[in-house]
């Protein structure tokens, strides 16, 4: 497994995508942890395989949880 900690001061998600794809091309599971915006999730959905992809989304407020769950469900269905 290859773990990426996504933080706000590092690379933007669109810059990370080619590197994340390389990890997936090597048939390795990919764990991405951190504060992910809805746009980050859209980019990952459009560019990464769901196979072996694990997202651990960190939210600032617990009351954002339901909104993110609905967003993700709409994105993947």
N, C-alpha and C. Protein backbone atom coordinates (compact mmCIF):
# COMPACT_ATOMS: atom_id res chain seq x y z
N UNK A 1 0.85 -1.17 0.00
CA UNK A 1 0.00 0.00 0.00
C UNK A 1 0.89 1.24 0.00
N UNK A 2 0.46 2.22 -0.73
CA UNK A 2 1.15 3.50 -0.83
C UNK A 2 0.24 4.55 -0.20
N UNK A 3 0.75 5.29 0.79
CA UNK A 3 -0.07 6.26 1.50
C UNK A 3 0.36 7.68 1.15
N UNK A 4 -0.63 8.52 0.86
CA UNK A 4 -0.42 9.94 0.59
C UNK A 4 -1.20 10.73 1.63
N UNK A 5 -0.52 11.65 2.29
CA UNK A 5 -1.21 12.57 3.19
C UNK A 5 -1.37 13.89 2.45
N UNK A 6 -2.59 14.20 2.14
CA UNK A 6 -2.92 15.43 1.39
C UNK A 6 -3.06 16.56 2.39
N UNK A 7 -2.18 17.55 2.27
CA UNK A 7 -2.31 18.71 3.15
C UNK A 7 -2.50 19.97 2.31
N UNK A 8 -2.87 21.02 2.95
CA UNK A 8 -3.25 22.24 2.25
C UNK A 8 -2.05 23.00 1.69
N UNK A 9 -0.86 22.74 2.19
CA UNK A 9 0.32 23.50 1.72
C UNK A 9 1.13 22.74 0.68
N UNK A 10 0.76 21.53 0.38
CA UNK A 10 1.49 20.73 -0.59
C UNK A 10 0.97 20.93 -2.01
N UNK A 11 1.25 19.94 -2.84
CA UNK A 11 0.80 19.98 -4.24
C UNK A 11 -0.73 19.99 -4.31
N UNK A 12 -1.23 20.65 -5.33
CA UNK A 12 -2.67 20.61 -5.59
C UNK A 12 -3.03 19.23 -6.16
N UNK A 13 -4.28 18.86 -6.02
CA UNK A 13 -4.72 17.55 -6.47
C UNK A 13 -4.45 17.34 -7.95
N UNK A 14 -4.73 18.36 -8.79
CA UNK A 14 -4.50 18.20 -10.23
C UNK A 14 -3.02 17.97 -10.54
N UNK A 15 -2.12 18.47 -9.69
CA UNK A 15 -0.69 18.22 -9.87
C UNK A 15 -0.32 16.81 -9.42
N UNK A 16 -1.05 16.29 -8.45
CA UNK A 16 -0.76 14.97 -7.89
C UNK A 16 -1.26 13.83 -8.77
N UNK A 17 -2.29 14.07 -9.55
CA UNK A 17 -2.95 13.00 -10.31
C UNK A 17 -1.96 12.15 -11.12
N UNK A 18 -1.04 12.72 -11.89
CA UNK A 18 -0.13 11.85 -12.66
C UNK A 18 0.70 10.91 -11.77
N UNK A 19 1.10 11.38 -10.60
CA UNK A 19 1.87 10.55 -9.69
C UNK A 19 1.00 9.47 -9.06
N UNK A 20 -0.22 9.82 -8.74
CA UNK A 20 -1.15 8.84 -8.18
C UNK A 20 -1.47 7.75 -9.20
N UNK A 21 -1.60 8.16 -10.46
CA UNK A 21 -1.85 7.18 -11.52
C UNK A 21 -0.66 6.22 -11.67
N UNK A 22 0.55 6.73 -11.51
CA UNK A 22 1.73 5.86 -11.58
C UNK A 22 1.70 4.79 -10.50
N UNK A 23 1.28 5.18 -9.30
CA UNK A 23 1.16 4.20 -8.22
C UNK A 23 0.13 3.15 -8.60
N UNK A 24 -1.00 3.57 -9.11
CA UNK A 24 -2.04 2.62 -9.51
C UNK A 24 -1.57 1.75 -10.67
N UNK A 25 -0.79 2.31 -11.58
CA UNK A 25 -0.28 1.53 -12.70
C UNK A 25 0.62 0.38 -12.24
N UNK A 26 1.19 0.53 -11.05
CA UNK A 26 2.03 -0.53 -10.49
C UNK A 26 1.20 -1.55 -9.69
N UNK A 27 -0.12 -1.43 -9.80
CA UNK A 27 -1.07 -2.35 -9.13
C UNK A 27 -0.95 -2.31 -7.61
N UNK A 28 -0.63 -1.13 -7.09
CA UNK A 28 -0.53 -0.96 -5.65
C UNK A 28 -1.79 -0.26 -5.14
N UNK A 29 -2.21 -0.68 -3.95
CA UNK A 29 -3.32 0.02 -3.32
C UNK A 29 -2.85 1.42 -2.93
N UNK A 30 -3.79 2.36 -2.95
CA UNK A 30 -3.46 3.75 -2.72
C UNK A 30 -4.38 4.32 -1.65
N UNK A 31 -3.80 4.77 -0.55
CA UNK A 31 -4.54 5.40 0.53
C UNK A 31 -4.24 6.89 0.49
N UNK A 32 -5.29 7.69 0.32
CA UNK A 32 -5.14 9.14 0.31
C UNK A 32 -5.90 9.66 1.52
N UNK A 33 -5.18 10.35 2.39
CA UNK A 33 -5.75 10.84 3.63
C UNK A 33 -5.59 12.35 3.69
N UNK A 34 -6.64 13.02 4.17
CA UNK A 34 -6.51 14.45 4.41
C UNK A 34 -7.78 15.21 4.10
N UNK A 35 -7.64 16.50 4.10
CA UNK A 35 -8.74 17.41 3.80
C UNK A 35 -8.94 17.45 2.29
N UNK A 36 -10.02 16.85 1.83
CA UNK A 36 -10.30 16.78 0.39
C UNK A 36 -11.56 17.57 0.09
N UNK A 37 -11.45 18.47 -0.86
CA UNK A 37 -12.62 19.24 -1.27
C UNK A 37 -13.47 18.40 -2.22
N UNK A 38 -14.65 18.89 -2.51
CA UNK A 38 -15.49 18.20 -3.48
C UNK A 38 -14.84 18.22 -4.86
N UNK A 39 -14.15 19.30 -5.19
CA UNK A 39 -13.44 19.35 -6.47
C UNK A 39 -12.32 18.31 -6.50
N UNK A 40 -11.60 18.12 -5.39
CA UNK A 40 -10.59 17.07 -5.30
C UNK A 40 -11.21 15.71 -5.60
N UNK A 41 -12.36 15.46 -5.01
CA UNK A 41 -13.05 14.18 -5.21
C UNK A 41 -13.50 14.01 -6.66
N UNK A 42 -13.98 15.09 -7.27
CA UNK A 42 -14.35 15.02 -8.70
C UNK A 42 -13.15 14.66 -9.57
N UNK A 43 -12.02 15.30 -9.30
CA UNK A 43 -10.80 15.02 -10.07
C UNK A 43 -10.34 13.58 -9.89
N UNK A 44 -10.37 13.10 -8.67
CA UNK A 44 -9.96 11.72 -8.41
C UNK A 44 -10.91 10.73 -9.08
N UNK A 45 -12.20 11.01 -9.01
CA UNK A 45 -13.19 10.14 -9.64
C UNK A 45 -12.97 10.07 -11.15
N UNK A 46 -12.66 11.21 -11.75
CA UNK A 46 -12.48 11.28 -13.20
C UNK A 46 -11.16 10.68 -13.67
N UNK A 47 -10.15 10.64 -12.81
CA UNK A 47 -8.81 10.29 -13.27
C UNK A 47 -8.19 9.04 -12.65
N UNK A 48 -8.76 8.54 -11.57
CA UNK A 48 -8.17 7.39 -10.88
C UNK A 48 -9.13 6.21 -10.91
N UNK A 49 -8.55 5.04 -10.87
CA UNK A 49 -9.35 3.82 -10.79
C UNK A 49 -9.84 3.64 -9.36
N UNK A 50 -11.08 3.19 -9.18
CA UNK A 50 -11.56 2.92 -7.82
C UNK A 50 -10.94 1.65 -7.22
N UNK A 51 -10.36 0.82 -8.07
CA UNK A 51 -9.78 -0.44 -7.61
C UNK A 51 -8.56 -0.17 -6.73
N UNK A 52 -8.65 -0.57 -5.48
CA UNK A 52 -7.53 -0.38 -4.55
C UNK A 52 -7.38 1.03 -4.03
N UNK A 53 -8.35 1.89 -4.30
CA UNK A 53 -8.29 3.28 -3.85
C UNK A 53 -9.05 3.43 -2.53
N UNK A 54 -8.37 3.95 -1.53
CA UNK A 54 -8.97 4.18 -0.22
C UNK A 54 -8.84 5.66 0.09
N UNK A 55 -9.95 6.29 0.41
CA UNK A 55 -9.94 7.71 0.77
C UNK A 55 -10.31 7.85 2.24
N UNK A 56 -9.49 8.54 2.98
CA UNK A 56 -9.80 8.87 4.36
C UNK A 56 -9.93 10.39 4.42
N UNK A 57 -11.16 10.85 4.32
CA UNK A 57 -11.44 12.27 4.20
C UNK A 57 -11.55 12.90 5.58
N UNK A 58 -10.77 13.94 5.79
CA UNK A 58 -10.79 14.68 7.05
C UNK A 58 -11.61 15.94 6.84
N UNK A 59 -12.66 16.09 7.62
CA UNK A 59 -13.53 17.27 7.53
C UNK A 59 -13.28 18.17 8.73
N UNK A 60 -13.46 19.46 8.53
CA UNK A 60 -13.27 20.42 9.62
C UNK A 60 -14.39 20.35 10.65
N UNK A 61 -15.59 20.06 10.18
CA UNK A 61 -16.76 20.06 11.07
C UNK A 61 -17.57 18.80 10.86
N UNK A 62 -18.04 18.23 11.95
CA UNK A 62 -18.83 17.01 11.87
C UNK A 62 -20.12 17.22 11.10
N UNK A 63 -20.66 18.44 11.11
CA UNK A 63 -21.94 18.66 10.42
C UNK A 63 -21.79 18.67 8.90
N UNK A 64 -20.56 18.56 8.38
CA UNK A 64 -20.33 18.44 6.94
C UNK A 64 -20.47 17.00 6.45
N UNK A 65 -20.52 16.07 7.37
CA UNK A 65 -20.49 14.65 7.03
C UNK A 65 -21.62 14.25 6.09
N UNK A 66 -22.85 14.57 6.43
CA UNK A 66 -24.00 14.17 5.61
C UNK A 66 -23.90 14.75 4.20
N UNK A 67 -23.47 15.99 4.10
CA UNK A 67 -23.33 16.64 2.80
C UNK A 67 -22.30 15.90 1.94
N UNK A 68 -21.19 15.52 2.54
CA UNK A 68 -20.16 14.78 1.80
C UNK A 68 -20.64 13.39 1.42
N UNK A 69 -21.36 12.73 2.30
CA UNK A 69 -21.88 11.40 1.99
C UNK A 69 -22.82 11.48 0.78
N UNK A 70 -23.71 12.45 0.79
CA UNK A 70 -24.61 12.63 -0.35
C UNK A 70 -23.84 12.94 -1.63
N UNK A 71 -22.86 13.81 -1.53
CA UNK A 71 -22.07 14.18 -2.70
C UNK A 71 -21.36 12.96 -3.28
N UNK A 72 -20.73 12.17 -2.44
CA UNK A 72 -20.00 10.98 -2.90
C UNK A 72 -20.96 9.97 -3.50
N UNK A 73 -22.08 9.75 -2.85
CA UNK A 73 -23.07 8.81 -3.40
C UNK A 73 -23.56 9.26 -4.77
N UNK A 74 -23.81 10.55 -4.94
CA UNK A 74 -24.24 11.07 -6.25
C UNK A 74 -23.11 10.92 -7.29
N UNK A 75 -21.88 11.10 -6.83
CA UNK A 75 -20.73 11.02 -7.75
C UNK A 75 -20.53 9.61 -8.28
N UNK A 76 -20.72 8.62 -7.44
CA UNK A 76 -20.41 7.24 -7.86
C UNK A 76 -21.60 6.47 -8.41
N UNK A 77 -22.78 7.06 -8.36
CA UNK A 77 -23.94 6.33 -8.90
C UNK A 77 -24.38 6.92 -10.22
